[in-house]
């Protein structure tokens, strides 16, 4: 049973309606997470703005999805695991084995694995990483900008994981 209401896009008004319309135009649907975030237009707008900004960063969309899977696995967020597996397969065309490996922070690409391990370390250490943790990423060729974006992607996914875990959002993507 959900704990927060997923709003009906046909019934909302004001800022929430504007945000839902933008999501609908971009995705063709307003997913349950965003429908639930719409209870607070500030939360939905913040999520959309950070997500949008990161889409123009140094890290690729594929890497962003892999980070999302690593973080979601760490935070036991079934909604986000389903959503990012679907997005990873259908939109960024990642191989299912690559997506599955990302959940445990693994990749056949050393730089990608360093990014995923950094994200998982951020989660396990509550952000209190040490020099060795950062130097592992740098040694694998991860730039300062990419490290900064890894932190931002991790934070964005902590937001969605915690939100969906609290709300018990109904999963509207194929379960994994």
C-alpha atoms as a PDB file:
ATOM      1  CA  UNK A   1       0.000   0.000   0.000  1.00  0.00           C
ATOM      2  CA  UNK A   2       1.392   3.374  -0.962  1.00  0.00           C
ATOM      3  CA  UNK A   3       1.986   5.905   1.796  1.00  0.00           C
ATOM      4  CA  UNK A   4       1.754   9.057  -0.341  1.00  0.00           C
ATOM      5  CA  UNK A   5      -0.773   9.721  -3.068  1.00  0.00           C
ATOM      6  CA  UNK A   6       0.231   9.600  -6.728  1.00  0.00           C
ATOM      7  CA  UNK A   7      -1.661  12.542  -8.177  1.00  0.00           C
ATOM      8  CA  UNK A   8      -3.784  12.191 -11.295  1.00  0.00           C
ATOM      9  CA  UNK A   9      -2.267  14.422 -14.013  1.00  0.00           C
ATOM     10  CA  UNK A  10      -5.794  15.223 -15.235  1.00  0.00           C
ATOM     11  CA  UNK A  11      -6.818  16.642 -11.858  1.00  0.00           C
ATOM     12  CA  UNK A  12      -3.864  18.847 -10.847  1.00  0.00           C
ATOM     13  CA  UNK A  13      -3.515  22.584 -11.351  1.00  0.00           C
ATOM     14  CA  UNK A  14      -0.923  25.336 -11.089  1.00  0.00           C
ATOM     15  CA  UNK A  15       2.783  24.555 -10.845  1.00  0.00           C
ATOM     16  CA  UNK A  16       2.184  20.814 -10.525  1.00  0.00           C
ATOM     17  CA  UNK A  17       0.152  20.832 -13.753  1.00  0.00           C
ATOM     18  CA  UNK A  18       2.933  22.745 -15.542  1.00  0.00           C
ATOM     19  CA  UNK A  19       5.559  20.259 -14.340  1.00  0.00           C
ATOM     20  CA  UNK A  20       3.429  17.240 -15.242  1.00  0.00           C
ATOM     21  CA  UNK A  21       2.839  18.698 -18.708  1.00  0.00           C
ATOM     22  CA  UNK A  22       6.604  19.104 -19.207  1.00  0.00           C
ATOM     23  CA  UNK A  23       7.249  15.517 -18.076  1.00  0.00           C
ATOM     24  CA  UNK A  24       4.435  14.227 -20.301  1.00  0.00           C
ATOM     25  CA  UNK A  25       5.851  16.103 -23.298  1.00  0.00           C
ATOM     26  CA  UNK A  26       9.326  14.681 -22.715  1.00  0.00           C
ATOM     27  CA  UNK A  27       8.528  11.102 -21.672  1.00  0.00           C
ATOM     28  CA  UNK A  28       5.041  10.538 -23.053  1.00  0.00           C
ATOM     29  CA  UNK A  29       3.900   9.570 -19.555  1.00  0.00           C
ATOM     30  CA  UNK A  30       4.117  10.887 -15.985  1.00  0.00           C
ATOM     31  CA  UNK A  31       5.654   8.024 -13.956  1.00  0.00           C
ATOM     32  CA  UNK A  32       4.256   7.265 -10.511  1.00  0.00           C
ATOM     33  CA  UNK A  33       7.342   8.638  -8.766  1.00  0.00           C
ATOM     34  CA  UNK A  34       6.838  12.040 -10.370  1.00  0.00           C
ATOM     35  CA  UNK A  35       3.079  11.883  -9.817  1.00  0.00           C
ATOM     36  CA  UNK A  36       3.831  11.324  -6.139  1.00  0.00           C
ATOM     37  CA  UNK A  37       6.537  13.995  -5.994  1.00  0.00           C
ATOM     38  CA  UNK A  38       3.939  16.357  -7.466  1.00  0.00           C
ATOM     39  CA  UNK A  39       2.389  16.644  -4.010  1.00  0.00           C
ATOM     40  CA  UNK A  40       5.189  19.170  -3.487  1.00  0.00           C
ATOM     41  CA  UNK A  41       5.940  21.073  -6.690  1.00  0.00           C
ATOM     42  CA  UNK A  42       9.200  22.204  -5.050  1.00  0.00           C
ATOM     43  CA  UNK A  43      10.365  18.585  -4.687  1.00  0.00           C
ATOM     44  CA  UNK A  44       9.399  17.633  -8.234  1.00  0.00           C
ATOM     45  CA  UNK A  45      10.947  20.770  -9.696  1.00  0.00           C
ATOM     46  CA  UNK A  46      14.152  20.258  -7.709  1.00  0.00           C
ATOM     47  CA  UNK A  47      14.413  16.664  -8.888  1.00  0.00           C
ATOM     48  CA  UNK A  48      13.752  17.627 -12.521  1.00  0.00           C
ATOM     49  CA  UNK A  49      16.199  20.541 -12.423  1.00  0.00           C
ATOM     50  CA  UNK A  50      19.096  18.527 -10.988  1.00  0.00           C
ATOM     51  CA  UNK A  51      18.375  15.614 -13.317  1.00  0.00           C
ATOM     52  CA  UNK A  52      18.239  18.008 -16.275  1.00  0.00           C
ATOM     53  CA  UNK A  53      21.461  19.747 -15.313  1.00  0.00           C
ATOM     54  CA  UNK A  54      23.312  16.444 -14.961  1.00  0.00           C
ATOM     55  CA  UNK A  55      22.146  15.378 -18.416  1.00  0.00           C
ATOM     56  CA  UNK A  56      24.476  18.092 -19.779  1.00  0.00           C
ATOM     57  CA  UNK A  57      27.476  17.004 -17.696  1.00  0.00           C
ATOM     58  CA  UNK A  58      30.650  15.085 -18.418  1.00  0.00           C
ATOM     59  CA  UNK A  59      29.197  11.709 -17.456  1.00  0.00           C
ATOM     60  CA  UNK A  60      27.189   9.961 -20.157  1.00  0.00           C
ATOM     61  CA  UNK A  61      23.534   9.034 -19.799  1.00  0.00           C
ATOM     62  CA  UNK A  62      24.622   5.401 -19.625  1.00  0.00           C
ATOM     63  CA  UNK A  63      27.015   6.091 -16.754  1.00  0.00           C
ATOM     64  CA  UNK A  64      24.275   8.020 -14.968  1.00  0.00           C
ATOM     65  CA  UNK A  65      21.976   5.015 -15.257  1.00  0.00           C
ATOM     66  CA  UNK A  66      24.711   2.691 -13.982  1.00  0.00           C
ATOM     67  CA  UNK A  67      25.273   4.959 -10.962  1.00  0.00           C
ATOM     68  CA  UNK A  68      21.514   4.954 -10.372  1.00  0.00           C
ATOM     69  CA  UNK A  69      21.515   1.159 -10.303  1.00  0.00           C
ATOM     70  CA  UNK A  70      24.513   0.959  -7.951  1.00  0.00           C
ATOM     71  CA  UNK A  71      22.970   3.461  -5.547  1.00  0.00           C
ATOM     72  CA  UNK A  72      19.476   1.944  -5.773  1.00  0.00           C
ATOM     73  CA  UNK A  73      20.831  -1.505  -4.966  1.00  0.00           C
ATOM     74  CA  UNK A  74      22.671  -0.077  -1.941  1.00  0.00           C
ATOM     75  CA  UNK A  75      19.466   1.595  -0.744  1.00  0.00           C
ATOM     76  CA  UNK A  76      17.147  -1.352  -1.547  1.00  0.00           C
ATOM     77  CA  UNK A  77      14.887   0.777  -3.743  1.00  0.00           C
ATOM     78  CA  UNK A  78      12.816  -1.596  -5.853  1.00  0.00           C
ATOM     79  CA  UNK A  79      11.087   1.270  -7.690  1.00  0.00           C
ATOM     80  CA  UNK A  80      14.376   2.796  -8.842  1.00  0.00           C
ATOM     81  CA  UNK A  81      15.916  -0.575  -9.710  1.00  0.00           C
ATOM     82  CA  UNK A  82      12.945  -1.278 -11.983  1.00  0.00           C
ATOM     83  CA  UNK A  83      12.922   2.223 -13.489  1.00  0.00           C
ATOM     84  CA  UNK A  84      16.655   2.429 -14.174  1.00  0.00           C
ATOM     85  CA  UNK A  85      16.871  -1.116 -15.520  1.00  0.00           C
ATOM     86  CA  UNK A  86      14.077  -0.240 -17.964  1.00  0.00           C
ATOM     87  CA  UNK A  87      15.670   3.100 -18.900  1.00  0.00           C
ATOM     88  CA  UNK A  88      19.083   1.464 -19.183  1.00  0.00           C
ATOM     89  CA  UNK A  89      17.809  -1.215 -21.546  1.00  0.00           C
ATOM     90  CA  UNK A  90      15.318   0.769 -23.611  1.00  0.00           C
ATOM     91  CA  UNK A  91      16.695   4.315 -23.726  1.00  0.00           C
ATOM     92  CA  UNK A  92      20.477   4.077 -23.352  1.00  0.00           C
ATOM     93  CA  UNK A  93      20.621   0.615 -24.945  1.00  0.00           C
ATOM     94  CA  UNK A  94      22.878  -0.924 -22.283  1.00  0.00           C
ATOM     95  CA  UNK A  95      23.349  -4.667 -22.233  1.00  0.00           C
ATOM     96  CA  UNK A  96      21.334  -6.348 -19.442  1.00  0.00           C
ATOM     97  CA  UNK A  97      24.523  -7.957 -18.079  1.00  0.00           C
ATOM     98  CA  UNK A  98      26.153  -4.511 -17.793  1.00  0.00           C
ATOM     99  CA  UNK A  99      23.119  -3.203 -15.928  1.00  0.00           C
ATOM    100  CA  UNK A 100      23.097  -6.164 -13.568  1.00  0.00           C
ATOM    101  CA  UNK A 101      26.821  -5.823 -12.836  1.00  0.00           C
ATOM    102  CA  UNK A 102      26.393  -2.121 -12.042  1.00  0.00           C
ATOM    103  CA  UNK A 103      24.101  -2.994  -9.147  1.00  0.00           C
ATOM    104  CA  UNK A 104      27.111  -4.391  -7.304  1.00  0.00           C
ATOM    105  CA  UNK A 105      29.428  -1.628  -8.519  1.00  0.00           C
ATOM    106  CA  UNK A 106      31.122  -3.739 -11.160  1.00  0.00           C
ATOM    107  CA  UNK A 107      31.990  -3.039 -14.794  1.00  0.00           C
ATOM    108  CA  UNK A 108      34.331  -4.473 -17.399  1.00  0.00           C
ATOM    109  CA  UNK A 109      35.517  -0.877 -17.983  1.00  0.00           C
ATOM    110  CA  UNK A 110      37.992   0.178 -15.259  1.00  0.00           C
ATOM    111  CA  UNK A 111      36.980   3.851 -15.280  1.00  0.00           C
ATOM    112  CA  UNK A 112      33.270   3.047 -15.073  1.00  0.00           C
ATOM    113  CA  UNK A 113      33.925   0.577 -12.267  1.00  0.00           C
ATOM    114  CA  UNK A 114      35.883   3.257 -10.374  1.00  0.00           C
ATOM    115  CA  UNK A 115      32.913   5.635 -10.714  1.00  0.00           C
ATOM    116  CA  UNK A 116      30.461   2.978  -9.525  1.00  0.00           C
ATOM    117  CA  UNK A 117      32.693   1.991  -6.620  1.00  0.00           C
ATOM    118  CA  UNK A 118      33.002   5.652  -5.618  1.00  0.00           C
ATOM    119  CA  UNK A 119      29.202   5.982  -5.643  1.00  0.00           C
ATOM    120  CA  UNK A 120      28.813   2.877  -3.500  1.00  0.00           C
ATOM    121  CA  UNK A 121      31.534   4.121  -1.144  1.00  0.00           C
ATOM    122  CA  UNK A 122      29.747   7.452  -0.793  1.00  0.00           C
ATOM    123  CA  UNK A 123      26.633   5.534   0.267  1.00  0.00           C
ATOM    124  CA  UNK A 124      28.358   3.126   2.635  1.00  0.00           C
ATOM    125  CA  UNK A 125      30.377   5.908   4.290  1.00  0.00           C
ATOM    126  CA  UNK A 126      27.576   8.483   4.345  1.00  0.00           C
ATOM    127  CA  UNK A 127      29.701  10.748   2.165  1.00  0.00           C
ATOM    128  CA  UNK A 128      32.678  10.628   4.540  1.00  0.00           C
ATOM    129  CA  UNK A 129      35.159   9.276   2.008  1.00  0.00           C
ATOM    130  CA  UNK A 130      38.914   9.506   2.499  1.00  0.00           C
ATOM    131  CA  UNK A 131      41.875  10.359   0.286  1.00  0.00           C
ATOM    132  CA  UNK A 132      42.339   6.719  -0.716  1.00  0.00           C
ATOM    133  CA  UNK A 133      38.722   6.474  -1.904  1.00  0.00           C
ATOM    134  CA  UNK A 134      39.112   9.555  -4.113  1.00  0.00           C
ATOM    135  CA  UNK A 135      42.574   8.580  -5.337  1.00  0.00           C
ATOM    136  CA  UNK A 136      41.270   5.185  -6.517  1.00  0.00           C
ATOM    137  CA  UNK A 137      38.917   7.016  -8.853  1.00  0.00           C
ATOM    138  CA  UNK A 138      41.592   9.461 -10.015  1.00  0.00           C
ATOM    139  CA  UNK A 139      44.052   6.622 -10.662  1.00  0.00           C
ATOM    140  CA  UNK A 140      41.438   4.996 -12.911  1.00  0.00           C
ATOM    141  CA  UNK A 141      41.259   8.218 -14.964  1.00  0.00           C
ATOM    142  CA  UNK A 142      38.196   9.831 -13.394  1.00  0.00           C
ATOM    143  CA  UNK A 143      38.511  13.622 -13.623  1.00  0.00           C
ATOM    144  CA  UNK A 144      37.614  16.081 -10.883  1.00  0.00           C
ATOM    145  CA  UNK A 145      34.514  17.081 -12.879  1.00  0.00           C
ATOM    146  CA  UNK A 146      33.455  13.448 -13.194  1.00  0.00           C
ATOM    147  CA  UNK A 147      34.012  12.916  -9.466  1.00  0.00           C
ATOM    148  CA  UNK A 148      31.854  15.958  -8.708  1.00  0.00           C
ATOM    149  CA  UNK A 149      29.138  14.641 -11.012  1.00  0.00           C
ATOM    150  CA  UNK A 150      29.365  11.195  -9.402  1.00  0.00           C
ATOM    151  CA  UNK A 151      28.566  12.852  -6.072  1.00  0.00           C
ATOM    152  CA  UNK A 152      25.647  14.727  -7.667  1.00  0.00           C
ATOM    153  CA  UNK A 153      24.262  11.600  -9.380  1.00  0.00           C
ATOM    154  CA  UNK A 154      24.601   9.705  -6.100  1.00  0.00           C
ATOM    155  CA  UNK A 155      22.763  12.454  -4.213  1.00  0.00           C
ATOM    156  CA  UNK A 156      20.014  12.620  -6.837  1.00  0.00           C
ATOM    157  CA  UNK A 157      19.481   8.888  -6.537  1.00  0.00           C
ATOM    158  CA  UNK A 158      19.538   8.977  -2.743  1.00  0.00           C
ATOM    159  CA  UNK A 159      16.703  11.506  -3.035  1.00  0.00           C
ATOM    160  CA  UNK A 160      14.654   9.254  -5.312  1.00  0.00           C
ATOM    161  CA  UNK A 161      15.492   6.082  -3.371  1.00  0.00           C
ATOM    162  CA  UNK A 162      14.519   7.555  -0.026  1.00  0.00           C
ATOM    163  CA  UNK A 163      11.445   9.199  -1.509  1.00  0.00           C
ATOM    164  CA  UNK A 164      10.200   5.992  -3.127  1.00  0.00           C
ATOM    165  CA  UNK A 165      11.044   3.844  -0.120  1.00  0.00           C
ATOM    166  CA  UNK A 166       9.137   6.223   2.156  1.00  0.00           C
ATOM    167  CA  UNK A 167       6.189   6.630  -0.217  1.00  0.00           C
ATOM    168  CA  UNK A 168       6.155   2.932  -1.125  1.00  0.00           C
ATOM    169  CA  UNK A 169       5.551   4.166  -4.666  1.00  0.00           C
ATOM    170  CA  UNK A 170       3.664   1.734  -6.855  1.00  0.00           C
ATOM    171  CA  UNK A 171       6.132   0.361  -9.416  1.00  0.00           C
ATOM    172  CA  UNK A 172       5.001   1.205 -12.936  1.00  0.00           C
ATOM    173  CA  UNK A 173       8.021  -0.301 -14.717  1.00  0.00           C
ATOM    174  CA  UNK A 174       8.765  -4.000 -15.294  1.00  0.00           C
ATOM    175  CA  UNK A 175       9.948  -5.489 -11.982  1.00  0.00           C
ATOM    176  CA  UNK A 176      13.518  -6.734 -11.687  1.00  0.00           C
END
